[in-house]
């Protein structure tokens, strides 16, 4: 490419030299002329502008003085003099109201018309806006009519004080201001004193408000020169008073200009900014002596005249001279340049033509040809350029065709590749691929066949665009052979065209297709199928088309192979998953089967060892102890296997809660000390001072401790030392508990350190090893520590002992606190009872425990445990028996097995928690099934897995005995409030609303009560002793059952941003304590009932519909809404005809079936927005907002007919007799004006419908009878 600076280099040099010679003298002349001419012109114009400014100032001064003289004349008029004298005598002792419009009675009735006539004189009408006359004490006595209703006392106004001047009198000229009636109009005031003609005594003052622009316009506007030259007035603050261009009230912003032009003398100046947007303007200025003197004397802003003209027009003479000189200079330059161009053109033109031609070729215009006729070397060079362009054009055309073809091929392949890679499911892949192939190739129909390797034949897997007639063909043949077979045999495409074989009988040809082509589908050089395309148009396929289709075949082959591989991999994964499931299920089943006999072995051996069945000889006791020890060892192995299976399956969960670490360590010591004593080991324990309550998974930490200490005992020989040290530490940025277990045992070889945490690994794996075990203890320990987010490290040397160091992190909400974990004491619970909650009668007889267990041995073992603790025992051996006995006997507590005959334990628990007679009985699950999460969610209060933990079971029963005396109401609230006065107030409020209330003032007791009693709603104070309300919420949310109880928080102060962030999503509402506590609390409780109708006991247990409690609340809301918005509202009440007789004939269960079926029928055929309630028995009530009586009748009739025609037969039994219903309707305003009256009217209509034979719909105004 030629450098741009050299494109016309020769011509440029020639012309430039000649032009420079012409321009230089012209340029110098212009500079001298401009400088000298501008200086002289500026001085002359400045002097002229100064004179115009003086003229404008003089005219304005005279005009103002004239106006003052006219106002003096008005003040001297007889009418004015007489009115002021009279006013002074009448009002001298009367004080006018300040700041308010004066009553018309105060105004002189003769003077007002006089002022109006004065204003409307021709010479005053456009200038005077209003006149006000004030007497000598400052009270207005008259004003022009246009402001008569706005005149107020002027005794304190500036103009009055200045014009009266202590009754000496002075002329006052005020500043400009906007008219209240017309904001675009500016006014200014002139006020002057009025003296009595005869004696010169001060009578009052006259104030005239003048239109600024009409007043000043005659003095300023006539001063115009040129097209832009004009005069204007400003005050000393730069506010424009009048200007033909700038609006009145605007400002001259340039401070330096303002300082110059508002001086006390006249002059002119060159302004950088003239306030009109002009720069370097010549400005003339002059003060207004008379007006300024009057204004300055009163502290106002003096006036100044200001003359300016657009700089462009001001300097036009000198600019005209410069243009003239420039014009002649330009002619000289043009003349010189023309001569240069003529000479240079003849020299450069052929070269420019060559350059132009080269540019066309560079840009791709290969059809351009040079036309150079100079009969010299330049013309020969042009001919060579033309020859080169011709050859380039031919080459480019061929290349472009190749690129376009290749681009189309790649685009088609890319589309096919994208389509075939969208899915790994084979059928979907083939369906989308054949559709896309047909789309990009332009064929109409096609199909894909895949080779079945087992049968060694092609099977059609996907097709597109084929008619049913073609699909019914047994084979798609090329003459006598299928095309696909020929493709497989030849490994090449097969093309069939009707034009080449017009006599062929191929089905596609017979269907009217002109072209048929089949291609192999290959993968890894192996044919795995074919694809065939057909078109009703003739396709002339080129070599490139065949290559494209072949590539498509390879692409499909790769996609099919990938799908096959994915399918095989999925099958392998499924087999592995199934194998893992079978293994886990096997481990679970085996362990469960082993747990059942182990429960009896361990339990009864403990009974014998405790001498509960009589004394044993020392030899017998030794045998039994060995039996118990072996059972415990076998149980440990089973538990380890189950834990490992759960961990691998991802079913092992973390249950964090606050617990005493010291208590846990004491329990571990009690377990380990007998083992150390037996082996003669020294056991040392140290715990950091102040370390007690932590928040984590107590069970996991206990198992970690026992595993590490058990290993230390196991691998430490006699007389060895084992130490346990626990202290606070850090793990990363978090606080952590450090547990360090050290022993002086056999140690671990360095090569074995890496595998000690692997499953089933032992340092010595031989059958003759000295230290037996499964090798699961450390593996499970490591997994538990990982689940808790901690870490474990080990330091060991063979023969020198080992040190295991465990770090368990503590979350921000679980900092160490000096708190005592408490279970609510008997006194605390009794104090927490609302005063109106009844207590069960205290009986001297022993509390009864219902043991639900199908294994007689386990049942007997449980009975032995509980009778020793003073409980009376009841037995149930299947689920149905358990439900019946629980309802009949009302036991103190229930122990429940899960694997039961007839009805399993889960269903029993659900049923017990729905029955009013049994739902408050504590249920403790004792089973080999491990699913505490499900158990707690269904309402169990504790959960034990077999073998039975005797101490844990007894402690659980003792714990729940303290809350068993509380009888629950339909809805129970737990109040946790530090202030006893507020607690009693809340209790009284809720008691008035007929809610049950349990109260406590301690957070720990509140948590325990929430877990045990399971209230429907918790009302929690933010400020509690020992632990805060936020910590209490945190503990509640960590418990499996208490976490779902809604919480309303009380606070006596505004929450901080951090507290609101922590509580976000944790509480239902925040209520601030104060005078409106009662109203706010009841309002929130109403919201609770609507949002949680199940918790608020508003759901019917049999049908799942709303119950009568919900109806009463909702009906009141709907009636209020209908009244407020004057909208129609109807209800209908329905009842099954002869339902009691039906129950006697078919039994209660059949009746319940009918009710459930009827509820489903109602719900399916009514709008979801219409609340449907069951109100006991067979009575159903439907609320119909926005529904008139006629519309309600139509809806009721629809329901009645649906019920009449519905089959209510019970599955497995013969059809029941026809069920019918009767319906009563009432409408708000038409039939009743309260919710109670609506129910009465609808019930009355229902009763009349049934008395007339039933199966009818009746409203309060008339009866619609329908024969059965």
Foldseek 3Di string as FASTA:
>chain_A
DDDPCCLQPQLCVLLVVLLCVLVVVLVVVLVVLLVVVVVVLLVVVFVVQQVLQVQLLALLLVLVVVVVVVVLVVLQDPVNLVLLVVLCVVCVPPDFDAPAQGDPVQADPVVQVVQQVVCPDPVRVQWFPKKWWAWLQQATHYMHPVCNRPDGGCNPPLLQCQQCVVVPGDWAKADKAADPVHRLWIKIKIKTWRAHPPPRGTTTMMITITGQCVSSVVSWVVPADDPFKGKFKDWLQQATSDDPPDRGRDGQPDVVVSVVQNDAAWGWDQACQPSPRAGRWIKTKHFNVNQQVNQVVSVHTGMMMMITGHPCVSCVVSVVVSVVSVVVSVVSSVVSSVVSCVVSCVVCVLVSLVVVLVVCVVVPVLVDAGDDDDPDPSVVVSVVSNVVSVVVVVVVVVVVVVVVLVVLLVVLLVQLLVQLPPDLAQLSSQASNQVSNCVSLVFQWKWKWFADVVVRDTDTRYIPRDDPVVVPDPAQDDQPHGLFVVCQVVVAKDKDACVVPVPGPGPLVVVQWGIKMKHFQDDPNHTGIIMMTTHNDDDDDDPSNRVSVNSSSPSNNVSNVSSVVVVVVVVVVVVVVVVLVVVLVVLLVVLQVLQVVLLLLLLVLVCVLVCVVHDDDPVVNVVSVVSNVVSVVVNVVSVLVNLVSCLVVVNDDWQKFKFWPVVLVVVLCVVLVVLCVVQQEAEEEEEDPLFTIWITRSVLVSLLSNLLSVVQSQFAHHHKYWYWYWYWDDDVPFIWIKIKIWIQGQWADPVCQVCLLPFQDDSDPDPPDPRDDRSRSNVSNQSSLVNQVKHWDKDTHGNGIIMIMIIRGGDPLTPRAPDDQDQDDLVQQVVQFQPPFAFDDDDPAAFEEEEAAQDVSSLVSVVSLVVVVRHHYHYHNALVSVLVCCQVVVGQAYEAEQDGPPHGRLVSLLVQCVDLSRNLRAYEYEYQDDDVLSVVQSPHLYYHYPSDPSVVVVVVSVSLVSVSGTRADLAEEEEAAQDVVVVVVVSVLVVVVVHTYGYGPALSNSLNCCSNRVGQEYEYEQCGPPDGRLSSLVNLCSDSNSVPRAYEYEYQDDDDPVVCVSCVVSHPYYHYDDPCVSVVVVVVVVVSCVVCVVSSVQADPLQRAGEPVVVVVVLQVLLVVCVVVVAKKKKKKKFKAPLVVVCVVPNPVLSSLLLNVLSVLVVVLDDPVWGWYDYDDRMIMTIDTRAHPVRVQVSVLVSQVCQQPDFSQDPPDDTDPRIGMEMFMEMDPVQDNGSVRSVVQNVVQRVVCVVVPGSFYGYNPGGDDDDD
